[in-house]
Amino acid sequence: MPAYEADLERFGQYDAQVLGISVDSVPSNTAWAKSLGGLTYDLLSDFEPKGEVARLYGAYRPEGYSERALFVVDKDGHVAYKDIHDIGDQPDNEDLFEVLRKL
């Protein structure tokens, strides 16, 4: 998440808004963001009903958590990019900027 924080200005140049979402509760998300030194973009909670949004996007695991996933949703609400990957991996932001350039 710090990599997105570092590139917020670049995302803004594409009129893109960065949001984080987690199946954890709001207090857990707040504590996690604080442990990272704070985040200036919104971190949403997909807690109740647990994982409903993650399920809709195909990122929820039966074990009760979501995969690490990136989505670019265009202004019409269509998913323009979807990347679900291992929790330890984080694709380079340049992949996202390439998608944004094409929108």
C-alpha atoms as a PDB file:
ATOM      1  CA  MET A   1       0.000   0.000   0.000  1.00  0.00           C
ATOM      2  CA  PRO A   2       2.858   2.446   0.546  1.00  0.00           C
ATOM      3  CA  ALA A   3       3.698   2.131  -3.172  1.00  0.00           C
ATOM      4  CA  TYR A   4       0.256   3.505  -4.032  1.00  0.00           C
ATOM      5  CA  GLU A   5       0.702   6.270  -1.477  1.00  0.00           C
ATOM      6  CA  ALA A   6       4.002   7.221  -3.102  1.00  0.00           C
ATOM      7  CA  ASP A   7       2.356   7.441  -6.540  1.00  0.00           C
ATOM      8  CA  LEU A   8      -0.885   9.214  -5.572  1.00  0.00           C
ATOM      9  CA  GLU A   9       0.044  12.324  -7.529  1.00  0.00           C
ATOM     10  CA  ARG A  10       0.623  10.251 -10.675  1.00  0.00           C
ATOM     11  CA  PHE A  11      -2.711   8.466 -10.214  1.00  0.00           C
ATOM     12  CA  GLY A  12      -4.314  11.908  -9.901  1.00  0.00           C
ATOM     13  CA  GLN A  13      -2.851  12.916 -13.262  1.00  0.00           C
ATOM     14  CA  TYR A  14      -5.046  10.212 -14.805  1.00  0.00           C
ATOM     15  CA  ASP A  15      -8.067  11.406 -12.813  1.00  0.00           C
ATOM     16  CA  ALA A  16      -7.887   8.078 -10.957  1.00  0.00           C
ATOM     17  CA  GLN A  17      -8.823   7.532  -7.333  1.00  0.00           C
ATOM     18  CA  VAL A  18      -6.957   4.975  -5.244  1.00  0.00           C
ATOM     19  CA  LEU A  19      -9.026   3.003  -2.726  1.00  0.00           C
ATOM     20  CA  GLY A  20      -8.046   0.081  -0.554  1.00  0.00           C
ATOM     21  CA  ILE A  21     -10.564  -2.511   0.563  1.00  0.00           C
ATOM     22  CA  SER A  22     -10.205  -5.281   3.097  1.00  0.00           C
ATOM     23  CA  VAL A  23     -12.483  -7.906   4.618  1.00  0.00           C
ATOM     24  CA  ASP A  24     -11.238  -6.716   8.025  1.00  0.00           C
ATOM     25  CA  SER A  25     -13.190  -4.421  10.342  1.00  0.00           C
ATOM     26  CA  VAL A  26     -12.833  -0.635  10.318  1.00  0.00           C
ATOM     27  CA  PRO A  27     -10.817  -0.647  13.592  1.00  0.00           C
ATOM     28  CA  SER A  28      -8.471  -3.297  12.163  1.00  0.00           C
ATOM     29  CA  ASN A  29      -8.009  -1.286   8.955  1.00  0.00           C
ATOM     30  CA  THR A  30      -7.343   1.862  10.969  1.00  0.00           C
ATOM     31  CA  ALA A  31      -4.706   0.106  13.081  1.00  0.00           C
ATOM     32  CA  TRP A  32      -3.089  -1.427  10.003  1.00  0.00           C
ATOM     33  CA  ALA A  33      -2.933   1.917   8.182  1.00  0.00           C
ATOM     34  CA  LYS A  34      -1.419   3.485  11.290  1.00  0.00           C
ATOM     35  CA  SER A  35       1.222   0.735  11.425  1.00  0.00           C
ATOM     36  CA  LEU A  36       2.233   1.761   7.895  1.00  0.00           C
ATOM     37  CA  GLY A  37       2.665   5.366   8.973  1.00  0.00           C
ATOM     38  CA  GLY A  38      -0.791   6.361   7.754  1.00  0.00           C
ATOM     39  CA  LEU A  39      -2.514   6.417   4.391  1.00  0.00           C
ATOM     40  CA  THR A  40      -4.029   9.481   2.761  1.00  0.00           C
ATOM     41  CA  TYR A  41      -6.427   7.521   0.560  1.00  0.00           C
ATOM     42  CA  ASP A  42      -9.542   5.720   1.783  1.00  0.00           C
ATOM     43  CA  LEU A  43      -9.311   2.195   3.142  1.00  0.00           C
ATOM     44  CA  LEU A  44     -12.748   0.565   3.007  1.00  0.00           C
ATOM     45  CA  SER A  45     -14.066  -2.337   5.066  1.00  0.00           C
ATOM     46  CA  ASP A  46     -15.809  -5.273   3.369  1.00  0.00           C
ATOM     47  CA  PHE A  47     -16.605  -6.733   6.779  1.00  0.00           C
ATOM     48  CA  GLU A  48     -20.382  -7.110   6.985  1.00  0.00           C
ATOM     49  CA  PRO A  49     -21.553  -9.115   5.286  1.00  0.00           C
ATOM     50  CA  LYS A  50     -17.978 -10.371   5.342  1.00  0.00           C
ATOM     51  CA  GLY A  51     -16.351 -10.376   1.936  1.00  0.00           C
ATOM     52  CA  GLU A  52     -19.446  -9.509  -0.097  1.00  0.00           C
ATOM     53  CA  VAL A  53     -17.536  -7.148  -2.407  1.00  0.00           C
ATOM     54  CA  ALA A  54     -14.561  -9.512  -2.637  1.00  0.00           C
ATOM     55  CA  ARG A  55     -16.951 -12.296  -3.646  1.00  0.00           C
ATOM     56  CA  LEU A  56     -18.489 -10.126  -6.373  1.00  0.00           C
ATOM     57  CA  TYR A  57     -15.030  -9.420  -7.791  1.00  0.00           C
ATOM     58  CA  GLY A  58     -13.882 -13.052  -7.535  1.00  0.00           C
ATOM     59  CA  ALA A  59     -11.221 -12.362  -4.909  1.00  0.00           C
ATOM     60  CA  TYR A  60     -12.693 -14.021  -1.795  1.00  0.00           C
ATOM     61  CA  ARG A  61     -11.191 -17.226  -0.405  1.00  0.00           C
ATOM     62  CA  PRO A  62     -13.274 -19.826   1.443  1.00  0.00           C
ATOM     63  CA  GLU A  63     -10.815 -19.541   4.345  1.00  0.00           C
ATOM     64  CA  GLY A  64     -12.342 -16.151   5.151  1.00  0.00           C
ATOM     65  CA  TYR A  65      -9.998 -13.652   3.550  1.00  0.00           C
ATOM     66  CA  SER A  66      -9.488 -12.125   0.144  1.00  0.00           C
ATOM     67  CA  GLU A  67      -6.656 -12.481  -2.294  1.00  0.00           C
ATOM     68  CA  ARG A  68      -4.508  -9.493  -3.063  1.00  0.00           C
ATOM     69  CA  ALA A  69      -6.203  -8.017  -6.082  1.00  0.00           C
ATOM     70  CA  LEU A  70      -6.045  -4.897  -8.202  1.00  0.00           C
ATOM     71  CA  PHE A  71      -8.899  -3.525 -10.267  1.00  0.00           C
ATOM     72  CA  VAL A  72      -9.206  -0.502 -12.496  1.00  0.00           C
ATOM     73  CA  VAL A  73     -12.832   0.513 -12.911  1.00  0.00           C
ATOM     74  CA  ASP A  74     -13.580   3.078 -15.597  1.00  0.00           C
ATOM     75  CA  LYS A  75     -15.950   6.009 -15.198  1.00  0.00           C
ATOM     76  CA  ASP A  76     -18.812   3.940 -16.623  1.00  0.00           C
ATOM     77  CA  GLY A  77     -18.326   1.317 -13.889  1.00  0.00           C
ATOM     78  CA  HIS A  78     -16.745  -1.314 -16.140  1.00  0.00           C
ATOM     79  CA  VAL A  79     -13.752  -3.306 -14.941  1.00  0.00           C
ATOM     80  CA  ALA A  80     -10.939  -2.281 -17.295  1.00  0.00           C
ATOM     81  CA  TYR A  81      -8.227  -4.274 -15.515  1.00  0.00           C
ATOM     82  CA  LYS A  82      -8.219  -7.183 -13.085  1.00  0.00           C
ATOM     83  CA  ASP A  83      -5.196  -8.780 -11.456  1.00  0.00           C
ATOM     84  CA  ILE A  84      -5.640 -11.330  -8.665  1.00  0.00           C
ATOM     85  CA  HIS A  85      -2.293 -12.554  -7.408  1.00  0.00           C
ATOM     86  CA  ASP A  86      -0.469 -14.097  -4.451  1.00  0.00           C
ATOM     87  CA  ILE A  87      -0.692 -12.108  -1.242  1.00  0.00           C
ATOM     88  CA  GLY A  88       3.096 -11.659  -1.192  1.00  0.00           C
ATOM     89  CA  ASP A  89       3.237 -10.161  -4.692  1.00  0.00           C
ATOM     90  CA  GLN A  90       2.564  -6.599  -5.650  1.00  0.00           C
ATOM     91  CA  PRO A  91       2.686  -5.738  -9.333  1.00  0.00           C
ATOM     92  CA  ASP A  92       4.519  -2.626 -10.367  1.00  0.00           C
ATOM     93  CA  ASN A  93       2.367   0.506 -10.489  1.00  0.00           C
ATOM     94  CA  GLU A  94       3.555   0.988 -14.067  1.00  0.00           C
ATOM     95  CA  ASP A  95       1.170  -1.841 -15.047  1.00  0.00           C
ATOM     96  CA  LEU A  96      -1.702   0.250 -13.701  1.00  0.00           C
ATOM     97  CA  PHE A  97      -0.479   3.439 -15.357  1.00  0.00           C
ATOM     98  CA  GLU A  98      -0.377   1.623 -18.699  1.00  0.00           C
ATOM     99  CA  VAL A  99      -4.044   0.665 -18.303  1.00  0.00           C
ATOM    100  CA  LEU A 100      -4.959   4.206 -17.235  1.00  0.00           C
ATOM    101  CA  ARG A 101      -3.173   5.666 -20.275  1.00  0.00           C
ATOM    102  CA  LYS A 102      -5.438   3.574 -22.525  1.00  0.00           C
ATOM    103  CA  LEU A 103      -8.715   4.698 -20.924  1.00  0.00           C
END
